[in-house]
Amino acid sequence: MKKLQIIALLASVFLLQACVHKLVTVPVKVAYKTTKGVVKGTVAVTKAIIPGGNEEEDQKDKK
């Protein structure tokens, strides 16, 4: 009887491991994508606000 309980316990641990993995990774992915979008937006706004950017970089980008 004890062997059956141990096997059932181990099986449930392995099955629940996938659920815990999802609970941890999904919020992390959402936070990463949100932060990535905010940083890109901030960089774009900063480039638009600062006048007289580096002309050498602009010329290199055009070539």
N, C-alpha and C. Protein backbone atom coordinates (compact mmCIF):
# COMPACT_ATOMS: atom_id res chain seq x y z
N MET A 1 0.82 -1.19 0.00
CA MET A 1 0.00 0.00 0.00
C MET A 1 0.87 1.26 0.00
N LYS A 2 1.99 1.20 0.71
CA LYS A 2 2.88 2.37 0.79
C LYS A 2 3.51 2.67 -0.57
N LYS A 3 3.82 1.61 -1.31
CA LYS A 3 4.43 1.81 -2.63
C LYS A 3 3.46 2.54 -3.56
N LEU A 4 2.19 2.18 -3.47
CA LEU A 4 1.18 2.82 -4.31
C LEU A 4 1.04 4.30 -3.96
N GLN A 5 1.09 4.63 -2.70
CA GLN A 5 0.99 6.02 -2.27
C GLN A 5 2.21 6.83 -2.73
N ILE A 6 3.37 6.24 -2.65
CA ILE A 6 4.59 6.93 -3.09
C ILE A 6 4.56 7.16 -4.59
N ILE A 7 4.13 6.15 -5.33
CA ILE A 7 4.03 6.29 -6.79
C ILE A 7 3.01 7.36 -7.15
N ALA A 8 1.88 7.38 -6.47
CA ALA A 8 0.85 8.38 -6.73
C ALA A 8 1.37 9.78 -6.39
N LEU A 9 2.11 9.89 -5.30
CA LEU A 9 2.67 11.17 -4.91
C LEU A 9 3.69 11.67 -5.94
N LEU A 10 4.57 10.80 -6.38
CA LEU A 10 5.57 11.18 -7.39
C LEU A 10 4.91 11.56 -8.71
N ALA A 11 3.89 10.80 -9.10
CA ALA A 11 3.18 11.10 -10.35
C ALA A 11 2.51 12.47 -10.27
N SER A 12 1.89 12.77 -9.14
CA SER A 12 1.22 14.07 -9.01
C SER A 12 2.22 15.21 -8.98
N VAL A 13 3.39 14.98 -8.40
CA VAL A 13 4.44 16.02 -8.40
C VAL A 13 4.88 16.32 -9.82
N PHE A 14 5.09 15.29 -10.61
CA PHE A 14 5.51 15.52 -12.00
C PHE A 14 4.42 16.18 -12.84
N LEU A 15 3.17 15.82 -12.59
CA LEU A 15 2.07 16.44 -13.33
C LEU A 15 1.88 17.90 -12.95
N LEU A 16 2.03 18.20 -11.67
CA LEU A 16 1.86 19.59 -11.22
C LEU A 16 3.05 20.47 -11.59
N GLN A 17 4.17 19.86 -11.88
CA GLN A 17 5.36 20.62 -12.25
C GLN A 17 5.10 21.46 -13.50
N ALA A 18 4.36 20.94 -14.46
CA ALA A 18 4.04 21.68 -15.68
C ALA A 18 3.16 22.88 -15.36
N CYS A 19 2.22 22.72 -14.43
CA CYS A 19 1.35 23.84 -14.05
C CYS A 19 2.15 24.94 -13.37
N VAL A 20 3.05 24.57 -12.49
CA VAL A 20 3.87 25.56 -11.80
C VAL A 20 4.76 26.28 -12.80
N HIS A 21 5.29 25.55 -13.76
CA HIS A 21 6.13 26.16 -14.79
C HIS A 21 5.35 27.22 -15.56
N LYS A 22 4.13 26.92 -15.91
CA LYS A 22 3.28 27.89 -16.63
C LYS A 22 2.98 29.10 -15.75
N LEU A 23 2.68 28.87 -14.49
CA LEU A 23 2.36 29.98 -13.59
C LEU A 23 3.54 30.93 -13.42
N VAL A 24 4.74 30.41 -13.54
CA VAL A 24 5.93 31.25 -13.36
C VAL A 24 6.33 31.93 -14.67
N THR A 25 6.32 31.21 -15.77
CA THR A 25 6.86 31.76 -17.01
C THR A 25 5.93 32.73 -17.72
N VAL A 26 4.63 32.52 -17.65
CA VAL A 26 3.71 33.41 -18.38
C VAL A 26 3.80 34.86 -17.88
N PRO A 27 3.74 35.13 -16.58
CA PRO A 27 3.88 36.53 -16.14
C PRO A 27 5.24 37.13 -16.48
N VAL A 28 6.27 36.31 -16.46
CA VAL A 28 7.61 36.81 -16.79
C VAL A 28 7.66 37.21 -18.26
N LYS A 29 7.08 36.42 -19.13
CA LYS A 29 7.06 36.76 -20.55
C LYS A 29 6.26 38.03 -20.81
N VAL A 30 5.13 38.18 -20.13
CA VAL A 30 4.32 39.38 -20.30
C VAL A 30 5.08 40.61 -19.83
N ALA A 31 5.74 40.50 -18.69
CA ALA A 31 6.52 41.62 -18.16
C ALA A 31 7.67 41.97 -19.09
N TYR A 32 8.33 40.98 -19.66
CA TYR A 32 9.44 41.22 -20.58
C TYR A 32 8.96 41.94 -21.84
N LYS A 33 7.87 41.48 -22.41
CA LYS A 33 7.36 42.12 -23.64
C LYS A 33 6.90 43.55 -23.36
N THR A 34 6.27 43.78 -22.23
CA THR A 34 5.82 45.12 -21.87
C THR A 34 7.00 46.05 -21.69
N THR A 35 8.00 45.60 -20.96
CA THR A 35 9.19 46.42 -20.72
C THR A 35 9.92 46.70 -22.02
N LYS A 36 10.00 45.71 -22.88
CA LYS A 36 10.67 45.88 -24.17
C LYS A 36 9.97 46.95 -25.00
N GLY A 37 8.64 46.95 -25.00
CA GLY A 37 7.88 47.96 -25.74
C GLY A 37 8.04 49.34 -25.15
N VAL A 38 8.07 49.44 -23.84
CA VAL A 38 8.23 50.74 -23.18
C VAL A 38 9.61 51.32 -23.48
N VAL A 39 10.63 50.49 -23.44
CA VAL A 39 11.99 50.96 -23.72
C VAL A 39 12.10 51.43 -25.16
N LYS A 40 11.54 50.70 -26.09
CA LYS A 40 11.59 51.12 -27.50
C LYS A 40 10.86 52.46 -27.69
N GLY A 41 9.72 52.62 -27.03
CA GLY A 41 8.98 53.87 -27.13
C GLY A 41 9.75 55.03 -26.52
N THR A 42 10.42 54.78 -25.40
CA THR A 42 11.20 55.83 -24.76
C THR A 42 12.37 56.25 -25.64
N VAL A 43 13.02 55.31 -26.26
CA VAL A 43 14.14 55.63 -27.17
C VAL A 43 13.64 56.45 -28.35
N ALA A 44 12.51 56.09 -28.90
CA ALA A 44 11.97 56.82 -30.04
C ALA A 44 11.61 58.25 -29.64
N VAL A 45 11.01 58.41 -28.50
CA VAL A 45 10.63 59.75 -28.04
C VAL A 45 11.88 60.58 -27.76
N THR A 46 12.88 59.97 -27.15
CA THR A 46 14.12 60.68 -26.85
C THR A 46 14.81 61.14 -28.12
N LYS A 47 14.84 60.29 -29.13
CA LYS A 47 15.47 60.67 -30.40
C LYS A 47 14.69 61.81 -31.07
N ALA A 48 13.38 61.81 -30.91
CA ALA A 48 12.57 62.84 -31.53
C ALA A 48 12.71 64.18 -30.80
N ILE A 49 12.92 64.15 -29.50
CA ILE A 49 12.98 65.38 -28.72
C ILE A 49 14.34 66.05 -28.81
N ILE A 50 15.41 65.28 -28.81
CA ILE A 50 16.76 65.86 -28.81
C ILE A 50 17.09 66.35 -30.21
N PRO A 51 17.21 67.69 -30.39
CA PRO A 51 17.53 68.23 -31.71
C PRO A 51 19.03 68.09 -32.01
N GLY A 52 19.36 68.16 -33.29
CA GLY A 52 20.77 68.13 -33.70
C GLY A 52 21.44 66.82 -33.36
N GLY A 53 20.88 65.76 -33.84
CA GLY A 53 21.47 64.45 -33.58
C GLY A 53 22.82 64.33 -34.27
N ASN A 54 23.45 63.24 -34.10
CA ASN A 54 24.77 63.00 -34.66
C ASN A 54 24.64 62.82 -36.17
N GLU A 55 25.17 63.77 -36.93
CA GLU A 55 25.03 63.73 -38.38
C GLU A 55 25.88 62.62 -39.00
N GLU A 56 27.00 62.29 -38.36
CA GLU A 56 27.84 61.22 -38.88
C GLU A 56 27.10 59.88 -38.84
N GLU A 57 26.36 59.63 -37.77
CA GLU A 57 25.59 58.40 -37.69
C GLU A 57 24.51 58.35 -38.76
N ASP A 58 23.87 59.51 -39.00
CA ASP A 58 22.83 59.56 -40.02
C ASP A 58 23.40 59.25 -41.40
N GLN A 59 24.57 59.75 -41.68
CA GLN A 59 25.20 59.50 -42.98
C GLN A 59 25.60 58.03 -43.11
N LYS A 60 26.09 57.43 -42.02
CA LYS A 60 26.47 56.02 -42.06
C LYS A 60 25.24 55.15 -42.26
N ASP A 61 24.12 55.52 -41.65
CA ASP A 61 22.90 54.74 -41.79
C ASP A 61 22.37 54.80 -43.23
N LYS A 62 22.58 55.91 -43.92
CA LYS A 62 22.08 56.05 -45.28
C LYS A 62 22.88 55.23 -46.27
N LYS A 63 24.16 54.98 -45.97
CA LYS A 63 25.03 54.24 -46.92
C LYS A 63 24.78 52.80 -46.88
